[in-house]
Amino acid sequence: LLGKTTYAIPFRAAGALDLGAELLSILDKLPAGAAHDRELVDAWAAAIGMTGWYTWIPYKP
C-alpha cells in the first residue's frame, strides 16, 4: 500500500478520512507505550463523542 492512495477512496466517500487523520494526530502527540493507553483511549473517545460511555476498572493482577 505504500505510495498508493486508492485505499483511501472508500473512507473518503464515507466521510471517515478526516476523522481517521484526527485520531492519528492524537496518537502521534502522545508518548509511545502502554503507560499512555488510557490517555489515548480517553482522547479518542473525546474526539468521537464517546466520553462517558465506559468506565475504567482498576487492574488487579
Protein backbone atom coordinates (compact mmCIF):
# COMPACT_ATOMS: atom_id res chain seq x y z
CA LEU A 1 0.00 0.00 0.00
CA LEU A 2 2.99 2.29 0.21
CA GLY A 3 2.71 5.01 -2.36
CA LYS A 4 -0.88 4.06 -3.22
CA THR A 5 -3.76 6.39 -2.44
CA THR A 6 -6.64 4.33 -3.80
CA TYR A 7 -7.07 2.52 -0.48
CA ALA A 8 -8.47 5.77 0.98
CA ILE A 9 -11.31 6.17 -1.54
CA PRO A 10 -13.98 4.29 0.48
CA PHE A 11 -13.02 6.10 3.68
CA ARG A 12 -13.21 9.47 1.95
CA ALA A 13 -16.56 8.54 0.37
CA ALA A 14 -17.92 7.53 3.78
CA GLY A 15 -16.69 10.79 5.32
CA ALA A 16 -14.32 8.99 7.69
CA LEU A 17 -10.97 10.06 6.26
CA ASP A 18 -10.77 13.33 8.21
CA LEU A 19 -11.71 11.62 11.46
CA GLY A 20 -9.06 8.98 10.86
CA ALA A 21 -6.48 11.71 10.32
CA GLU A 22 -7.58 13.39 13.55
CA LEU A 23 -7.26 10.13 15.50
CA LEU A 24 -3.82 9.52 14.01
CA SER A 25 -2.79 13.04 15.01
CA ILE A 26 -3.84 12.33 18.61
CA LEU A 27 -1.82 9.12 18.56
CA ASP A 28 1.24 10.94 17.25
CA LYS A 29 1.07 13.55 20.06
CA LEU A 30 1.18 11.02 22.90
CA PRO A 31 4.26 9.15 24.10
CA ALA A 32 4.50 5.55 22.91
CA GLY A 33 3.99 2.70 25.33
CA ALA A 34 1.28 1.01 27.30
CA ALA A 35 1.60 3.52 30.15
CA HIS A 36 -0.31 6.01 27.99
CA ASP A 37 -3.04 3.68 26.70
CA ARG A 38 -5.74 5.13 28.94
CA GLU A 39 -4.83 8.65 27.91
CA LEU A 40 -5.05 7.61 24.26
CA VAL A 41 -8.42 5.90 24.69
CA ASP A 42 -9.79 8.91 26.58
CA ALA A 43 -8.55 11.30 23.87
CA TRP A 44 -10.02 9.17 21.08
CA ALA A 45 -13.31 8.85 22.97
CA ALA A 46 -13.47 12.63 23.29
CA ALA A 47 -12.74 13.05 19.58
CA ILE A 48 -15.60 10.76 18.54
CA GLY A 49 -18.10 11.86 21.18
CA MET A 50 -17.93 8.75 23.35
CA THR A 51 -16.72 10.33 26.59
CA GLY A 52 -18.60 8.75 29.46
CA TRP A 53 -19.57 5.62 27.51
CA TYR A 54 -17.15 3.48 29.52
CA THR A 55 -15.64 3.24 32.99
CA TRP A 56 -12.05 2.40 33.81
CA ILE A 57 -11.73 -0.52 36.20
CA PRO A 58 -8.56 -0.75 38.32
CA TYR A 59 -6.19 -3.50 37.28
CA LYS A 60 -5.84 -6.29 39.82
CA PRO A 61 -3.26 -8.98 38.99
